Amino acid sequence: MDASRTGRFAPLGVLSKSLCLPLLVLLAACSTGATLTDLGPVTPPPLQPLTSLWTPSPQPRSSGTTQAPEATPASPLPSLGQTVGSDLRHGYDASYPQCAAAKYPAAAEFAVIGVNGGLAFTANSCLQRQWGNAIGVRSLYLNSGFNPDNYAKVGAGCRHIGLLIHAPPEQQIAYAIGCGEALQSLNLIADQGITPSRIFWIDVESSNSWSTQDLSLNRYALEGEFDQLTGRGFLVGVYSAFADWAEVTGNWTAPTVSADWVAQSLDSSSCRGRGFSDAPVWLRQETTTWPPPAAVDSDWIC
């Protein structure tokens, strides 16, 4: 994440759930869903009215804190720590703000690397180097946002898919923009020769570009990005804070989100219950950075 803290909170990092080996995280080429075989847009079936995008979750959310709700669900929720049968594990995330860094914490058990340069349709100029030098096992995160000006950057394939959505033109454009964001990131990854792990994490920050008048546009843009990933067999996780998720999406319960990463967590209580999107919390980011000489964000597996 962005150790410079230029936004409300830092751009996120990513990790992956252990799906084919009992490891801390899923290794890059472990899953059959981890290979990019087609960099054209995937048409997600069925393209029916996305009614879930219009309805905020009825679940109450914390309004002014990034901490998870105190209530514990009746039945235990799966966590990444439980999956690998271990205690909390420590890792870091890095992206374009850390391009000048020469070293990262030697004790890290995982690393999460940003594909973009802090905004959708941008590139992390040192992605390949950070990926190659990452400590422990690795995964990736993507930036997100809704900016109508970015429609000019969307290719014909994603524009066509947007038109297939049974929704007003504004929502079709938003969905196409999200589709284009995902496709641009996947092409960046392929150009760098990187084989991603099974899960991508999507950074949702209120400090990025979003509609403040119509939150459905934000939800359609996010779903357009999510669908391009799940349509290729990847899992989708989201990095956000409770307050930011509420501000950007209206506390949307996104059906395609498998896990939450809680930003700027004060303590391990963030790992209790469900997260901001009503998905299980797999990761939490601390409010402090890892000590010098590596000023990177500190992350823990729940």
Protein backbone atom coordinates (compact mmCIF):
# COMPACT_ATOMS: atom_id res chain seq x y z
CA MET A 1 0.00 0.00 0.00
CA ASP A 2 0.92 3.61 -0.19
CA ALA A 3 3.16 4.26 2.80
CA SER A 4 2.99 7.98 2.06
CA ARG A 5 -0.69 8.00 3.13
CA THR A 6 -1.68 10.60 0.57
CA GLY A 7 -5.33 9.52 0.53
CA ARG A 8 -7.77 8.81 3.34
CA PHE A 9 -6.03 5.50 3.55
CA ALA A 10 -3.42 3.79 1.46
CA PRO A 11 -3.94 1.91 -1.83
CA LEU A 12 -4.19 -1.70 -0.96
CA GLY A 13 -2.33 -4.93 -1.28
CA VAL A 14 -3.34 -8.48 -2.05
CA LEU A 15 -2.98 -11.96 -0.84
CA SER A 16 -4.52 -15.27 -1.82
CA LYS A 17 -6.47 -18.03 -0.13
CA SER A 18 -4.91 -21.49 0.05
CA LEU A 19 -6.90 -23.53 -2.44
CA CYS A 20 -4.68 -26.32 -3.70
CA LEU A 21 -1.86 -26.62 -1.12
CA PRO A 22 -1.90 -26.09 2.68
CA LEU A 23 0.34 -23.02 2.39
CA LEU A 24 0.18 -19.55 3.86
CA VAL A 25 -1.18 -18.26 0.57
CA LEU A 26 -1.80 -19.68 -2.85
CA LEU A 27 1.37 -19.80 -4.93
CA ALA A 28 1.35 -18.09 -8.28
CA ALA A 29 0.80 -20.98 -10.70
CA CYS A 30 -0.93 -23.35 -8.30
CA SER A 31 -4.47 -22.93 -9.58
CA THR A 32 -5.84 -23.80 -12.98
CA GLY A 33 -7.71 -20.50 -12.84
CA ALA A 34 -4.48 -18.52 -12.55
CA THR A 35 -3.43 -18.47 -16.20
CA LEU A 36 -4.30 -15.58 -18.50
CA THR A 37 -5.22 -17.35 -21.71
CA ASP A 38 -7.51 -14.73 -23.25
CA LEU A 39 -6.98 -11.03 -22.74
CA GLY A 40 -10.20 -10.05 -24.47
CA PRO A 41 -13.20 -9.25 -22.27
CA VAL A 42 -15.19 -12.13 -20.84
CA THR A 43 -18.96 -11.97 -21.27
CA PRO A 44 -20.32 -12.93 -17.84
CA PRO A 45 -23.56 -14.95 -18.04
CA PRO A 46 -26.29 -14.11 -17.51
CA LEU A 47 -26.40 -10.44 -18.40
CA GLN A 48 -29.71 -9.75 -16.72
CA PRO A 49 -30.71 -6.63 -14.78
CA LEU A 50 -28.18 -6.27 -11.98
CA THR A 51 -30.83 -5.69 -9.35
CA SER A 52 -28.44 -6.43 -6.49
CA LEU A 53 -26.43 -3.37 -7.48
CA TRP A 54 -29.33 -1.10 -6.69
CA THR A 55 -30.09 -2.33 -3.20
CA PRO A 56 -27.77 -1.46 -0.32
CA SER A 57 -27.30 -4.15 2.27
CA PRO A 58 -29.86 -4.11 5.10
CA GLN A 59 -27.02 -5.00 7.46
CA PRO A 60 -25.98 -2.16 9.78
CA ARG A 61 -22.47 -0.87 9.29
CA SER A 62 -20.05 1.08 11.41
CA SER A 63 -20.27 4.68 10.22
CA GLY A 64 -17.09 6.29 11.45
CA THR A 65 -14.50 3.59 12.01
CA THR A 66 -12.67 0.92 10.12
CA GLN A 67 -13.24 -1.59 12.92
CA ALA A 68 -15.43 -4.61 12.31
CA PRO A 69 -18.78 -4.91 14.10
CA GLU A 70 -18.52 -6.36 17.58
CA ALA A 71 -21.28 -8.89 17.05
CA THR A 72 -20.07 -12.41 16.36
CA PRO A 73 -22.14 -14.55 13.96
CA ALA A 74 -23.86 -17.64 15.28
CA SER A 75 -21.75 -19.98 13.14
CA PRO A 76 -17.98 -19.51 12.71
CA LEU A 77 -16.86 -17.91 9.46
CA PRO A 78 -13.90 -19.28 7.55
CA SER A 79 -10.70 -17.30 7.80
CA LEU A 80 -7.43 -17.62 5.96
CA GLY A 81 -5.61 -18.35 9.20
CA GLN A 82 -8.02 -21.16 9.98
CA THR A 83 -7.67 -22.50 6.44
CA VAL A 84 -3.92 -22.94 6.75
CA GLY A 85 -4.15 -24.08 10.35
CA SER A 86 -1.90 -21.39 11.74
CA ASP A 87 -1.80 -18.31 13.91
CA LEU A 88 -1.73 -14.79 12.54
CA ARG A 89 0.87 -14.41 9.79
CA HIS A 90 2.70 -11.20 9.00
CA GLY A 91 3.30 -9.69 5.56
CA TYR A 92 3.56 -6.43 3.68
CA ASP A 93 2.25 -4.72 0.57
CA ALA A 94 4.02 -2.41 -1.84
CA SER A 95 3.35 -0.49 -5.02
CA TYR A 96 4.51 2.60 -6.92
CA PRO A 97 5.31 4.70 -3.78
CA GLN A 98 7.91 2.11 -2.79
CA CYS A 99 9.64 1.94 -6.19
CA ALA A 100 12.79 3.47 -4.69
CA ALA A 101 12.92 1.01 -1.79
CA ALA A 102 15.86 -1.38 -1.94
CA LYS A 103 14.84 -3.73 0.87
CA TYR A 104 11.68 -5.18 2.36
CA PRO A 105 11.15 -6.88 5.74
CA ALA A 106 13.12 -10.11 5.69
CA ALA A 107 10.69 -11.67 8.18
CA ALA A 108 7.68 -11.20 5.88
CA GLU A 109 5.75 -14.36 5.06
CA PHE A 110 3.83 -12.87 2.16
CA ALA A 111 3.93 -9.83 -0.11
CA VAL A 112 1.13 -8.05 -1.95
CA ILE A 113 2.02 -5.99 -4.99
CA GLY A 114 0.04 -3.23 -6.69
CA VAL A 115 -0.47 -3.43 -10.44
CA ASN A 116 -1.57 0.18 -10.99
CA GLY A 117 -0.15 3.58 -10.17
CA GLY A 118 -2.78 4.45 -7.55
CA LEU A 119 -5.61 5.03 -10.03
CA ALA A 120 -7.44 2.85 -12.54
CA PHE A 121 -5.98 2.86 -16.07
CA THR A 122 -2.48 3.62 -14.73
CA ALA A 123 0.58 1.42 -14.26
CA ASN A 124 2.98 0.73 -11.41
CA SER A 125 6.29 1.46 -13.15
CA CYS A 126 8.21 -1.02 -10.99
CA LEU A 127 5.64 -3.83 -10.94
CA GLN A 128 7.95 -6.46 -12.41
CA ARG A 129 10.83 -5.63 -10.06
CA GLN A 130 8.62 -5.57 -6.96
CA TRP A 131 7.03 -8.84 -7.99
CA GLY A 132 10.40 -10.48 -8.60
CA ASN A 133 11.89 -9.21 -5.33
CA ALA A 134 8.86 -9.90 -3.16
CA ILE A 135 9.44 -11.70 0.13
CA GLY A 136 7.56 -14.95 0.64
CA VAL A 137 4.59 -15.87 -1.51
CA ARG A 138 2.99 -13.18 -3.66
CA SER A 139 -0.26 -11.87 -5.01
CA LEU A 140 -1.65 -8.74 -6.69
CA TYR A 141 -4.13 -5.93 -6.21
CA LEU A 142 -5.90 -3.61 -8.65
CA ASN A 143 -7.15 -0.05 -8.27
CA SER A 144 -10.76 0.88 -9.02
CA GLY A 145 -12.92 3.94 -9.54
CA PHE A 146 -15.70 5.50 -11.56
CA ASN A 147 -14.70 8.44 -13.74
CA PRO A 148 -16.92 8.95 -16.83
CA ASP A 149 -13.95 10.47 -18.67
CA ASN A 150 -12.32 7.04 -18.60
CA TYR A 151 -14.93 5.72 -21.02
CA ALA A 152 -12.64 7.04 -23.78
CA LYS A 153 -10.04 4.48 -22.61
CA VAL A 154 -12.45 1.53 -22.81
CA GLY A 155 -12.04 -0.85 -25.74
CA ALA A 156 -14.76 -2.01 -28.11
CA GLY A 157 -15.19 -5.35 -26.32
CA CYS A 158 -16.02 -3.84 -22.94
CA ARG A 159 -18.23 -1.18 -24.55
CA HIS A 160 -20.21 -3.96 -26.23
CA ILE A 161 -20.56 -5.89 -22.98
CA GLY A 162 -21.79 -2.74 -21.25
CA LEU A 163 -24.55 -2.39 -23.83
CA LEU A 164 -25.74 -5.92 -23.02
CA ILE A 165 -26.54 -4.94 -19.45
CA HIS A 166 -30.27 -4.39 -18.93
CA ALA A 167 -29.87 -0.98 -17.36
CA PRO A 168 -30.05 2.72 -18.27
CA PRO A 169 -27.20 4.12 -20.44
CA GLU A 170 -25.37 5.68 -17.48
CA GLN A 171 -25.13 2.31 -15.73
CA GLN A 172 -24.08 0.60 -18.98
CA ILE A 173 -21.21 3.08 -19.30
CA ALA A 174 -20.18 2.55 -15.68
CA TYR A 175 -20.14 -1.22 -16.13
CA ALA A 176 -18.04 -0.89 -19.30
CA ILE A 177 -15.56 1.33 -17.47
CA GLY A 178 -15.12 -1.29 -14.74
CA CYS A 179 -14.67 -3.96 -17.40
CA GLY A 180 -12.00 -1.80 -19.05
CA GLU A 181 -10.22 -1.23 -15.74
CA ALA A 182 -9.89 -4.97 -15.20
CA LEU A 183 -8.79 -5.65 -18.77
CA GLN A 184 -6.12 -2.94 -18.72
CA SER A 185 -4.70 -4.38 -15.49
CA LEU A 186 -4.74 -7.94 -16.80
CA ASN A 187 -2.87 -6.82 -19.90
CA LEU A 188 -0.28 -5.05 -17.74
CA ILE A 189 0.22 -8.26 -15.78
CA ALA A 190 0.57 -10.33 -18.95
CA ASP A 191 2.99 -7.84 -20.50
CA GLN A 192 5.24 -8.25 -17.45
CA GLY A 193 5.18 -12.05 -17.73
CA ILE A 194 3.49 -12.41 -14.36
CA THR A 195 1.27 -15.39 -13.57
CA PRO A 196 -1.20 -14.17 -10.94
CA SER A 197 -2.44 -16.16 -7.97
CA ARG A 198 -6.04 -17.31 -7.66
CA ILE A 199 -7.40 -14.19 -5.96
CA PHE A 200 -7.26 -10.52 -6.92
CA TRP A 201 -7.97 -7.81 -4.39
CA ILE A 202 -9.68 -4.59 -5.51
CA ASP A 203 -8.80 -1.31 -3.82
CA VAL A 204 -11.93 0.76 -3.05
CA GLU A 205 -11.04 4.16 -1.60
CA SER A 206 -13.30 7.17 -1.32
CA SER A 207 -10.29 9.34 -2.22
CA ASN A 208 -10.38 7.93 -5.76
CA SER A 209 -12.88 9.02 -8.43
CA TRP A 210 -16.48 8.05 -7.64
CA SER A 211 -19.96 9.39 -8.19
CA THR A 212 -21.33 11.16 -5.13
CA GLN A 213 -24.76 11.73 -6.68
CA ASP A 214 -25.62 8.20 -7.86
CA LEU A 215 -23.94 5.37 -5.97
CA SER A 216 -25.37 2.80 -8.39
CA LEU A 217 -22.79 4.02 -10.92
CA ASN A 218 -20.03 3.09 -8.51
CA ARG A 219 -21.55 -0.33 -7.93
CA TYR A 220 -21.92 -1.00 -11.66
CA ALA A 221 -18.30 0.01 -12.27
CA LEU A 222 -17.11 -2.32 -9.52
CA GLU A 223 -19.26 -5.18 -10.79
CA GLY A 224 -17.83 -4.67 -14.28
CA GLU A 225 -14.34 -5.09 -12.83
CA PHE A 226 -15.34 -8.03 -10.62
CA ASP A 227 -17.03 -9.90 -13.47
CA GLN A 228 -13.95 -9.81 -15.69
CA LEU A 229 -12.00 -11.52 -12.93
CA THR A 230 -14.57 -14.07 -11.79
CA GLY A 231 -15.35 -14.84 -15.44
CA ARG A 232 -11.76 -16.07 -15.77
CA GLY A 233 -12.02 -18.26 -12.68
CA PHE A 234 -10.37 -15.89 -10.20
CA LEU A 235 -11.71 -15.04 -6.77
CA VAL A 236 -12.36 -11.39 -5.88
CA GLY A 237 -11.54 -9.77 -2.56
CA VAL A 238 -11.96 -6.11 -1.63
CA TYR A 239 -9.69 -3.84 0.37
CA SER A 240 -11.53 -0.93 1.98
CA ALA A 241 -12.54 0.71 5.23
CA PHE A 242 -16.05 0.41 6.63
CA ALA A 243 -16.68 4.15 6.24
CA ASP A 244 -15.28 4.27 2.70
CA TRP A 245 -17.25 1.25 1.52
CA ALA A 246 -20.42 2.90 2.85
CA GLU A 247 -19.58 6.20 1.16
CA VAL A 248 -18.71 4.66 -2.20
CA THR A 249 -21.29 1.85 -2.47
CA GLY A 250 -24.00 2.57 0.11
CA ASN A 251 -23.05 -0.58 2.07
CA TRP A 252 -23.56 -2.82 -0.93
CA THR A 253 -23.48 -6.56 -0.33
CA ALA A 254 -21.64 -7.64 -3.47
CA PRO A 255 -22.48 -11.24 -4.46
CA THR A 256 -19.20 -11.73 -6.33
CA VAL A 257 -16.93 -10.77 -3.41
CA SER A 258 -15.37 -13.71 -1.58
CA ALA A 259 -13.42 -11.88 1.14
CA ASP A 260 -12.75 -8.50 2.73
CA TRP A 261 -9.47 -6.84 3.65
CA VAL A 262 -10.03 -4.25 6.38
CA ALA A 263 -7.96 -1.12 5.95
CA GLN A 264 -6.25 0.72 8.79
CA SER A 265 -7.28 -1.74 11.49
CA LEU A 266 -6.52 -0.77 15.08
CA ASP A 267 -6.30 -4.33 16.37
CA SER A 268 -7.26 -7.92 15.62
CA SER A 269 -10.94 -7.28 16.42
CA SER A 270 -11.29 -6.50 12.70
CA CYS A 271 -11.05 -10.23 12.12
CA ARG A 272 -14.30 -10.96 13.97
CA GLY A 273 -17.48 -11.54 12.03
CA ARG A 274 -18.07 -10.25 8.55
CA GLY A 275 -16.50 -7.29 6.86
CA PHE A 276 -17.81 -4.14 5.19
CA SER A 277 -19.18 -6.05 2.16
CA ASP A 278 -20.67 -8.76 4.39
CA ALA A 279 -17.97 -11.20 3.25
CA PRO A 280 -15.60 -12.92 5.71
CA VAL A 281 -12.58 -10.86 6.75
CA TRP A 282 -9.40 -12.59 5.55
CA LEU A 283 -6.89 -9.77 6.02
CA ARG A 284 -6.36 -6.66 8.06
CA GLN A 285 -3.98 -3.77 7.55
CA GLU A 286 -2.37 -2.12 10.56
CA THR A 287 -2.35 1.62 11.12
CA THR A 288 1.45 1.60 11.42
CA THR A 289 4.08 0.77 8.83
CA TRP A 290 6.75 -1.87 9.15
CA PRO A 291 9.89 -0.35 10.79
CA PRO A 292 12.82 1.09 8.79
CA PRO A 293 14.65 0.50 6.54
CA ALA A 294 11.51 -0.82 4.85
CA ALA A 295 8.70 1.70 5.28
CA VAL A 296 5.95 -0.52 3.94
CA ASP A 297 2.44 -1.22 5.15
CA SER A 298 2.02 -4.03 7.65
CA ASP A 299 -0.65 -6.69 7.03
CA TRP A 300 -1.91 -9.73 8.91
CA ILE A 301 -3.88 -12.80 7.98
CA CYS A 302 -7.04 -13.27 10.05
